[in-house]
Every structure is written in C-alpha cells, then in structure tokens.
PDB file of N, CA and C in Angstrom:
ATOM      1  N   UNK A   1      12.866 -13.098  -7.347  1.00  0.00           N
ATOM      2  CA  UNK A   1      12.845 -12.581  -8.999  1.00  0.00           C
ATOM      3  C   UNK A   1      12.139 -11.438  -9.392  1.00  0.00           C
ATOM      4  N   UNK A   2      12.801 -10.249  -9.566  1.00  0.00           N
ATOM      5  CA  UNK A   2      12.261  -9.163 -10.008  1.00  0.00           C
ATOM      6  C   UNK A   2      12.273  -9.127 -11.446  1.00  0.00           C
ATOM      7  N   UNK A   3      10.999  -8.948 -12.532  1.00  0.00           N
ATOM      8  CA  UNK A   3      11.049  -8.512 -13.660  1.00  0.00           C
ATOM      9  C   UNK A   3      11.370  -7.103 -13.375  1.00  0.00           C
ATOM     10  N   UNK A   4      11.966  -6.967 -14.494  1.00  0.00           N
ATOM     11  CA  UNK A   4      12.278  -5.137 -14.934  1.00  0.00           C
ATOM     12  C   UNK A   4      11.609  -5.456 -16.463  1.00  0.00           C
ATOM     13  N   UNK A   5      11.053  -5.670 -16.809  1.00  0.00           N
ATOM     14  CA  UNK A   5      10.787  -5.574 -18.527  1.00  0.00           C
ATOM     15  C   UNK A   5       9.147  -5.674 -18.403  1.00  0.00           C
ATOM     16  N   UNK A   6       8.353  -4.792 -18.806  1.00  0.00           N
ATOM     17  CA  UNK A   6       7.085  -5.045 -19.184  1.00  0.00           C
ATOM     18  C   UNK A   6       6.763  -5.844 -19.685  1.00  0.00           C
ATOM     19  N   UNK A   7       5.806  -6.763 -20.349  1.00  0.00           N
ATOM     20  CA  UNK A   7       5.560  -7.346 -21.503  1.00  0.00           C
ATOM     21  C   UNK A   7       4.775  -6.025 -22.314  1.00  0.00           C
ATOM     22  N   UNK A   8       4.765  -6.713 -23.681  1.00  0.00           N
ATOM     23  CA  UNK A   8       4.476  -5.411 -24.786  1.00  0.00           C
ATOM     24  C   UNK A   8       3.596  -6.081 -26.000  1.00  0.00           C
ATOM     25  N   UNK A   9       3.518  -5.926 -26.914  1.00  0.00           N
ATOM     26  CA  UNK A   9       2.376  -6.495 -27.774  1.00  0.00           C
ATOM     27  C   UNK A   9       2.720  -7.490 -28.922  1.00  0.00           C
ATOM     28  N   UNK A  10       1.765  -7.450 -29.636  1.00  0.00           N
ATOM     29  CA  UNK A  10       2.131  -8.235 -30.964  1.00  0.00           C
ATOM     30  C   UNK A  10       3.079  -7.140 -32.096  1.00  0.00           C
ATOM     31  N   UNK A  11       2.563  -5.660 -32.432  1.00  0.00           N
ATOM     32  CA  UNK A  11       3.132  -5.323 -33.309  1.00  0.00           C
ATOM     33  C   UNK A  11       3.451  -3.943 -33.135  1.00  0.00           C
ATOM     34  N   UNK A  12       3.172  -3.274 -32.120  1.00  0.00           N
ATOM     35  CA  UNK A  12       3.899  -2.379 -31.089  1.00  0.00           C
ATOM     36  C   UNK A  12       4.561  -2.508 -29.731  1.00  0.00           C
ATOM     37  N   UNK A  13       5.469  -1.761 -29.913  1.00  0.00           N
ATOM     38  CA  UNK A  13       6.192  -2.227 -28.091  1.00  0.00           C
ATOM     39  C   UNK A  13       5.852  -0.898 -27.983  1.00  0.00           C
ATOM     40  N   UNK A  14       5.610  -0.924 -26.170  1.00  0.00           N
ATOM     41  CA  UNK A  14       4.830  -0.203 -24.836  1.00  0.00           C
ATOM     42  C   UNK A  14       5.934   1.161 -24.881  1.00  0.00           C
ATOM     43  N   UNK A  15       4.619   2.123 -25.040  1.00  0.00           N
ATOM     44  CA  UNK A  15       5.752   3.610 -25.443  1.00  0.00           C
ATOM     45  C   UNK A  15       6.321   3.657 -23.599  1.00  0.00           C
ATOM     46  N   UNK A  16       6.971   4.637 -23.568  1.00  0.00           N
ATOM     47  CA  UNK A  16       7.649   5.317 -22.107  1.00  0.00           C
ATOM     48  C   UNK A  16       6.872   5.635 -21.073  1.00  0.00           C
ATOM     49  N   UNK A  17       5.616   6.477 -21.600  1.00  0.00           N
ATOM     50  CA  UNK A  17       4.814   7.113 -21.063  1.00  0.00           C
ATOM     51  C   UNK A  17       3.642   6.150 -20.045  1.00  0.00           C
ATOM     52  N   UNK A  18       3.333   4.986 -21.407  1.00  0.00           N
ATOM     53  CA  UNK A  18       2.434   4.120 -20.335  1.00  0.00           C
ATOM     54  C   UNK A  18       3.041   2.854 -19.983  1.00  0.00           C
ATOM     55  N   UNK A  19       4.631   2.585 -20.103  1.00  0.00           N
ATOM     56  CA  UNK A  19       5.208   1.909 -19.223  1.00  0.00           C
ATOM     57  C   UNK A  19       5.977   2.062 -17.841  1.00  0.00           C
ATOM     58  N   UNK A  20       5.893   3.759 -17.446  1.00  0.00           N
ATOM     59  CA  UNK A  20       6.035   4.406 -16.570  1.00  0.00           C
ATOM     60  C   UNK A  20       4.932   4.814 -15.796  1.00  0.00           C
ATOM     61  N   UNK A  21       3.531   4.900 -16.389  1.00  0.00           N
ATOM     62  CA  UNK A  21       2.136   4.842 -15.770  1.00  0.00           C
ATOM     63  C   UNK A  21       1.867   3.697 -15.214  1.00  0.00           C
ATOM     64  N   UNK A  22       1.798   2.773 -15.985  1.00  0.00           N
ATOM     65  CA  UNK A  22       1.675   1.719 -15.353  1.00  0.00           C
ATOM     66  C   UNK A  22       2.591   0.860 -13.850  1.00  0.00           C
ATOM     67  N   UNK A  23       3.944   1.152 -14.553  1.00  0.00           N
ATOM     68  CA  UNK A  23       4.892   0.719 -13.441  1.00  0.00           C
ATOM     69  C   UNK A  23       4.553   1.249 -11.986  1.00  0.00           C
ATOM     70  N   UNK A  24       3.661   2.795 -11.910  1.00  0.00           N
ATOM     71  CA  UNK A  24       3.488   3.065 -11.055  1.00  0.00           C
ATOM     72  C   UNK A  24       1.684   2.616 -10.443  1.00  0.00           C
ATOM     73  N   UNK A  25       0.721   1.852 -10.745  1.00  0.00           N
ATOM     74  CA  UNK A  25      -0.038   1.468 -11.113  1.00  0.00           C
ATOM     75  C   UNK A  25      -0.220  -0.161 -10.821  1.00  0.00           C
ATOM     76  N   UNK A  26       0.455  -0.607  -9.756  1.00  0.00           N
ATOM     77  CA  UNK A  26       0.450  -1.976  -9.590  1.00  0.00           C
ATOM     78  C   UNK A  26      -0.775  -2.786  -9.887  1.00  0.00           C
ATOM     79  N   UNK A  27      -1.512  -2.756  -9.754  1.00  0.00           N
ATOM     80  CA  UNK A  27      -2.867  -3.194  -9.887  1.00  0.00           C
ATOM     81  C   UNK A  27      -3.349  -3.277 -11.139  1.00  0.00           C
ATOM     82  N   UNK A  28      -3.055  -2.226 -11.974  1.00  0.00           N
ATOM     83  CA  UNK A  28      -3.135  -2.219 -13.541  1.00  0.00           C
ATOM     84  C   UNK A  28      -2.385  -2.827 -13.912  1.00  0.00           C
ATOM     85  N   UNK A  29      -0.923  -3.016 -13.308  1.00  0.00           N
ATOM     86  CA  UNK A  29       0.746  -3.552 -13.834  1.00  0.00           C
ATOM     87  C   UNK A  29      -0.099  -5.165 -14.097  1.00  0.00           C
ATOM     88  N   UNK A  30      -0.282  -5.333 -12.941  1.00  0.00           N
ATOM     89  CA  UNK A  30      -1.285  -7.052 -12.737  1.00  0.00           C
ATOM     90  C   UNK A  30      -1.819  -7.736 -13.789  1.00  0.00           C
ATOM     91  N   UNK A  31      -3.012  -6.889 -14.359  1.00  0.00           N
ATOM     92  CA  UNK A  31      -3.553  -7.339 -15.414  1.00  0.00           C
ATOM     93  C   UNK A  31      -3.135  -7.158 -16.083  1.00  0.00           C
ATOM     94  N   UNK A  32      -1.970  -5.880 -16.656  1.00  0.00           N
ATOM     95  CA  UNK A  32      -1.904  -5.834 -17.916  1.00  0.00           C
ATOM     96  C   UNK A  32      -0.359  -7.017 -18.503  1.00  0.00           C
ATOM     97  N   UNK A  33       0.099  -7.450 -16.854  1.00  0.00           N
ATOM     98  CA  UNK A  33       1.042  -8.958 -17.434  1.00  0.00           C
ATOM     99  C   UNK A  33      -0.086 -10.310 -17.697  1.00  0.00           C
ATOM    100  N   UNK A  34      -1.084  -9.678 -17.269  1.00  0.00           N
ATOM    101  CA  UNK A  34      -2.205 -11.516 -17.563  1.00  0.00           C
ATOM    102  C   UNK A  34      -2.783 -11.399 -18.680  1.00  0.00           C
ATOM    103  N   UNK A  35      -3.363  -9.721 -19.438  1.00  0.00           N
ATOM    104  CA  UNK A  35      -3.368 -10.705 -20.850  1.00  0.00           C
ATOM    105  C   UNK A  35      -2.963 -10.886 -21.429  1.00  0.00           C
ATOM    106  N   UNK A  36      -3.519 -11.256 -23.130  1.00  0.00           N
ATOM    107  CA  UNK A  36      -2.847 -11.941 -23.732  1.00  0.00           C
ATOM    108  C   UNK A  36      -1.886 -10.566 -24.742  1.00  0.00           C
ATOM    109  N   UNK A  37      -0.689 -10.839 -25.722  1.00  0.00           N
ATOM    110  CA  UNK A  37      -0.036 -10.148 -26.256  1.00  0.00           C
ATOM    111  C   UNK A  37      -0.645  -9.233 -27.208  1.00  0.00           C
ATOM    112  N   UNK A  38      -1.732 -10.548 -27.723  1.00  0.00           N
ATOM    113  CA  UNK A  38      -2.900  -9.236 -28.748  1.00  0.00           C
ATOM    114  C   UNK A  38      -3.642  -8.117 -28.078  1.00  0.00           C
ATOM    115  N   UNK A  39      -4.261  -8.273 -26.857  1.00  0.00           N
ATOM    116  CA  UNK A  39      -4.793  -7.610 -25.913  1.00  0.00           C
ATOM    117  C   UNK A  39      -3.998  -6.628 -25.463  1.00  0.00           C
ATOM    118  N   UNK A  40      -3.007  -6.885 -25.409  1.00  0.00           N
ATOM    119  CA  UNK A  40      -1.634  -5.435 -25.508  1.00  0.00           C
ATOM    120  C   UNK A  40      -1.811  -4.381 -26.254  1.00  0.00           C
ATOM    121  N   UNK A  41      -1.355  -5.396 -27.101  1.00  0.00           N
ATOM    122  CA  UNK A  41      -1.089  -4.553 -28.268  1.00  0.00           C
ATOM    123  C   UNK A  41      -2.576  -3.410 -28.693  1.00  0.00           C
ATOM    124  N   UNK A  42      -3.557  -4.038 -28.115  1.00  0.00           N
ATOM    125  CA  UNK A  42      -4.643  -3.123 -28.681  1.00  0.00           C
ATOM    126  C   UNK A  42      -4.713  -1.940 -27.655  1.00  0.00           C
ATOM    127  N   UNK A  43      -4.453  -1.891 -26.246  1.00  0.00           N
ATOM    128  CA  UNK A  43      -4.431  -0.789 -26.325  1.00  0.00           C
ATOM    129  C   UNK A  43      -2.916   0.026 -26.148  1.00  0.00           C
ATOM    130  N   UNK A  44      -2.113  -0.502 -26.197  1.00  0.00           N
ATOM    131  CA  UNK A  44      -0.451   0.397 -26.633  1.00  0.00           C
ATOM    132  C   UNK A  44      -1.110   0.863 -28.254  1.00  0.00           C
ATOM    133  N   UNK A  45      -2.288   0.442 -29.346  1.00  0.00           N
ATOM    134  CA  UNK A  45      -2.580   0.878 -30.284  1.00  0.00           C
ATOM    135  C   UNK A  45      -3.457   2.109 -30.101  1.00  0.00           C
ATOM    136  N   UNK A  46      -4.176   1.862 -29.328  1.00  0.00           N
ATOM    137  CA  UNK A  46      -5.122   2.686 -28.906  1.00  0.00           C
ATOM    138  C   UNK A  46      -4.455   3.941 -28.120  1.00  0.00           C
ATOM    139  N   UNK A  47      -3.757   4.062 -27.049  1.00  0.00           N
ATOM    140  CA  UNK A  47      -2.851   5.310 -26.914  1.00  0.00           C
ATOM    141  C   UNK A  47      -2.394   5.670 -27.984  1.00  0.00           C
ATOM    142  N   UNK A  48      -1.519   5.107 -28.455  1.00  0.00           N
ATOM    143  CA  UNK A  48      -0.712   5.833 -29.508  1.00  0.00           C
ATOM    144  C   UNK A  48      -1.790   6.096 -30.546  1.00  0.00           C
ATOM    145  N   UNK A  49      -2.782   6.069 -30.892  1.00  0.00           N
ATOM    146  CA  UNK A  49      -3.177   6.798 -31.817  1.00  0.00           C
ATOM    147  C   UNK A  49      -4.284   7.937 -31.890  1.00  0.00           C
ATOM    148  N   UNK A  50      -3.747   8.430 -30.062  1.00  0.00           N
ATOM    149  CA  UNK A  50      -4.707  10.020 -30.347  1.00  0.00           C
ATOM    150  C   UNK A  50      -3.223  11.170 -30.906  1.00  0.00           C
ATOM    151  N   UNK A  51      -3.905  11.586 -31.547  1.00  0.00           N
ATOM    152  CA  UNK A  51      -2.998  12.746 -32.046  1.00  0.00           C
ATOM    153  C   UNK A  51      -2.960  14.052 -31.093  1.00  0.00           C
ATOM    154  N   UNK A  52      -3.468  14.242 -30.367  1.00  0.00           N
ATOM    155  CA  UNK A  52      -2.821  15.615 -29.427  1.00  0.00           C
ATOM    156  C   UNK A  52      -2.348  14.693 -27.863  1.00  0.00           C
ATOM    157  N   UNK A  53      -1.255  15.230 -27.167  1.00  0.00           N
ATOM    158  CA  UNK A  53      -0.134  14.806 -25.866  1.00  0.00           C
ATOM    159  C   UNK A  53      -2.204  14.958 -25.169  1.00  0.00           C
ATOM    160  N   UNK A  54      -2.991  15.911 -25.103  1.00  0.00           N
ATOM    161  CA  UNK A  54      -3.662  15.474 -23.479  1.00  0.00           C
ATOM    162  C   UNK A  54      -4.712  14.476 -24.328  1.00  0.00           C
ATOM    163  N   UNK A  55      -5.083  13.871 -25.551  1.00  0.00           N
ATOM    164  CA  UNK A  55      -5.539  12.977 -26.031  1.00  0.00           C
ATOM    165  C   UNK A  55      -4.948  11.592 -25.848  1.00  0.00           C
ATOM    166  N   UNK A  56      -3.883  11.584 -25.742  1.00  0.00           N
ATOM    167  CA  UNK A  56      -2.831  10.643 -25.337  1.00  0.00           C
ATOM    168  C   UNK A  56      -3.090  10.533 -23.697  1.00  0.00           C
ATOM    169  N   UNK A  57      -2.557  11.492 -23.186  1.00  0.00           N
ATOM    170  CA  UNK A  57      -2.705  11.910 -21.579  1.00  0.00           C
ATOM    171  C   UNK A  57      -4.032  10.952 -20.895  1.00  0.00           C
ATOM    172  N   UNK A  58      -4.998  11.429 -21.398  1.00  0.00           N
ATOM    173  CA  UNK A  58      -6.126  10.954 -21.109  1.00  0.00           C
ATOM    174  C   UNK A  58      -6.663   9.083 -21.545  1.00  0.00           C
ATOM    175  N   UNK A  59      -5.955   8.990 -22.722  1.00  0.00           N
ATOM    176  CA  UNK A  59      -6.132   7.485 -22.868  1.00  0.00           C
ATOM    177  C   UNK A  59      -5.368   6.771 -22.141  1.00  0.00           C
ATOM    178  N   UNK A  60      -3.839   7.498 -21.389  1.00  0.00           N
ATOM    179  CA  UNK A  60      -3.312   6.756 -20.549  1.00  0.00           C
ATOM    180  C   UNK A  60      -3.627   6.623 -19.075  1.00  0.00           C
ATOM    181  N   UNK A  61      -4.407   6.948 -18.532  1.00  0.00           N
ATOM    182  CA  UNK A  61      -5.554   7.571 -17.729  1.00  0.00           C
ATOM    183  C   UNK A  61      -6.551   6.775 -17.334  1.00  0.00           C
ATOM    184  N   UNK A  62      -7.674   6.212 -18.595  1.00  0.00           N
ATOM    185  CA  UNK A  62      -8.150   5.320 -19.219  1.00  0.00           C
ATOM    186  C   UNK A  62      -8.252   4.306 -18.935  1.00  0.00           C
ATOM    187  N   UNK A  63      -6.906   4.260 -19.692  1.00  0.00           N
ATOM    188  CA  UNK A  63      -6.241   2.402 -19.501  1.00  0.00           C
ATOM    189  C   UNK A  63      -5.708   2.115 -18.338  1.00  0.00           C
ATOM    190  N   UNK A  64      -5.360   2.950 -17.579  1.00  0.00           N
ATOM    191  CA  UNK A  64      -5.484   2.351 -15.836  1.00  0.00           C
ATOM    192  C   UNK A  64      -6.316   2.401 -15.225  1.00  0.00           C
ATOM    193  N   UNK A  65      -7.291   3.059 -15.311  1.00  0.00           N
ATOM    194  CA  UNK A  65      -8.166   2.704 -14.794  1.00  0.00           C
ATOM    195  C   UNK A  65      -9.142   1.355 -15.324  1.00  0.00           C
ATOM    196  N   UNK A  66      -9.461   1.349 -16.674  1.00  0.00           N
ATOM    197  CA  UNK A  66     -10.038   0.145 -17.217  1.00  0.00           C
ATOM    198  C   UNK A  66      -9.576  -1.119 -17.104  1.00  0.00           C
ATOM    199  N   UNK A  67      -8.093  -0.881 -16.700  1.00  0.00           N
ATOM    200  CA  UNK A  67      -7.094  -1.893 -16.337  1.00  0.00           C
ATOM    201  C   UNK A  67      -7.692  -2.214 -14.649  1.00  0.00           C
ATOM    202  N   UNK A  68      -7.662  -1.314 -14.081  1.00  0.00           N
ATOM    203  CA  UNK A  68      -7.463  -1.572 -12.557  1.00  0.00           C
ATOM    204  C   UNK A  68      -9.155  -2.327 -12.053  1.00  0.00           C
ATOM    205  N   UNK A  69     -10.293  -1.709 -12.925  1.00  0.00           N
ATOM    206  CA  UNK A  69     -11.437  -2.538 -12.732  1.00  0.00           C
ATOM    207  C   UNK A  69     -11.809  -3.958 -13.695  1.00  0.00           C
ATOM    208  N   UNK A  70      -9.901  -4.369 -14.302  1.00  0.00           N
ATOM    209  CA  UNK A  70     -10.278  -5.713 -14.764  1.00  0.00           C
ATOM    210  C   UNK A  70     -10.867  -5.478 -16.457  1.00  0.00           C
ATOM    211  N   UNK A  71     -11.161  -4.527 -16.832  1.00  0.00           N
ATOM    212  CA  UNK A  71     -11.334  -4.634 -18.605  1.00  0.00           C
ATOM    213  C   UNK A  71     -10.105  -5.341 -19.259  1.00  0.00           C
ATOM    214  N   UNK A  72     -10.281  -5.981 -19.972  1.00  0.00           N
ATOM    215  CA  UNK A  72      -9.249  -6.834 -20.655  1.00  0.00           C
ATOM    216  C   UNK A  72      -8.457  -5.524 -22.141  1.00  0.00           C
ATOM    217  N   UNK A  73      -9.512  -5.549 -23.011  1.00  0.00           N
ATOM    218  CA  UNK A  73      -9.285  -4.399 -23.952  1.00  0.00           C
ATOM    219  C   UNK A  73     -10.307  -3.393 -23.639  1.00  0.00           C
ATOM    220  N   UNK A  74      -9.883  -2.438 -24.747  1.00  0.00           N
ATOM    221  CA  UNK A  74     -10.115  -1.449 -24.943  1.00  0.00           C
ATOM    222  C   UNK A  74     -11.358  -1.341 -25.334  1.00  0.00           C
ATOM    223  N   UNK A  75     -12.836  -0.212 -25.098  1.00  0.00           N
ATOM    224  CA  UNK A  75     -13.973  -1.008 -25.331  1.00  0.00           C
ATOM    225  C   UNK A  75     -13.903   0.309 -26.560  1.00  0.00           C
ATOM    226  N   UNK A  76     -15.090   0.154 -27.304  1.00  0.00           N
ATOM    227  CA  UNK A  76     -15.571   0.391 -28.155  1.00  0.00           C
ATOM    228  C   UNK A  76     -14.499   0.779 -29.204  1.00  0.00           C
ATOM    229  N   UNK A  77     -13.701   0.044 -29.431  1.00  0.00           N
ATOM    230  CA  UNK A  77     -12.258   0.098 -29.998  1.00  0.00           C
ATOM    231  C   UNK A  77     -11.918  -0.697 -31.685  1.00  0.00           C
ATOM    232  N   UNK A  78     -12.268  -0.347 -33.032  1.00  0.00           N
ATOM    233  CA  UNK A  78     -12.240  -0.965 -34.055  1.00  0.00           C
ATOM    234  C   UNK A  78     -10.848  -1.971 -34.031  1.00  0.00           C
ATOM    235  N   UNK A  79     -10.575  -1.507 -32.906  1.00  0.00           N
ATOM    236  CA  UNK A  79      -8.809  -2.434 -33.309  1.00  0.00           C
ATOM    237  C   UNK A  79      -7.973  -2.087 -33.906  1.00  0.00           C
ATOM    238  N   UNK A  80      -6.819  -2.607 -33.930  1.00  0.00           N
ATOM    239  CA  UNK A  80      -5.741  -2.439 -34.291  1.00  0.00           C
ATOM    240  C   UNK A  80      -5.228  -2.201 -35.838  1.00  0.00           C
ATOM    241  N   UNK A  81      -4.934  -1.368 -36.542  1.00  0.00           N
ATOM    242  CA  UNK A  81      -5.147  -1.482 -38.327  1.00  0.00           C
ATOM    243  C   UNK A  81      -3.833  -2.230 -38.499  1.00  0.00           C
ATOM    244  N   UNK A  82      -2.820  -2.306 -37.989  1.00  0.00           N
ATOM    245  CA  UNK A  82      -1.123  -2.290 -37.752  1.00  0.00           C
ATOM    246  C   UNK A  82      -1.000  -4.095 -38.385  1.00  0.00           C
ATOM    247  N   UNK A  83      -1.866  -4.777 -37.825  1.00  0.00           N
ATOM    248  CA  UNK A  83      -2.185  -6.467 -37.814  1.00  0.00           C
ATOM    249  C   UNK A  83      -2.152  -6.631 -38.953  1.00  0.00           C
ATOM    250  N   UNK A  84      -1.328  -7.535 -39.651  1.00  0.00           N
ATOM    251  CA  UNK A  84      -1.759  -8.585 -40.742  1.00  0.00           C
ATOM    252  C   UNK A  84      -2.722  -9.320 -40.790  1.00  0.00           C
TER     253      UNK A  84
END
C-alpha cells in the first residue's frame, strides 16, 4: 500500500514546499515518518519562522540534510512557541 499523505506536526500542518522537499528525498522522508508528531512540529515551526524566502529555503535544505544524518529535532532551537 502506498502512503500518499505525509505526517504532520501537533500544531502546524506541513507546508507544501517542505512536503515537496521531503517527497524528493526518501531517506529524509523515512526519518520524518519515524519521529514524533511533536518533533515534526518543531521542524515545521523552525522552517516557517524564517521571515525571508531565502531563509526558509536554507532551512528546508538544512532540514533534509539533518534528517538524512539522523537528527530528530532542530538543533539550537528554543522550540515552538505555538504549543500551549
């Protein structure tokens, strides 16, 4: 059975640009699906908190790189402030 929907976070939904990047990278996607919804939420919040498009694109690239390397949460990130 083929899964056609990527898992999302606790508060944040996965944005289309991050979703496309994950789909294009099976190794990063495999870890994405293995981490907790809270961890996915942290990655999504970190990516989307960038104000400039360049920052967001850099963060998406770093997300893929870090996931491929086995990192389960963003490093040096204070955490999502949107959770209650």
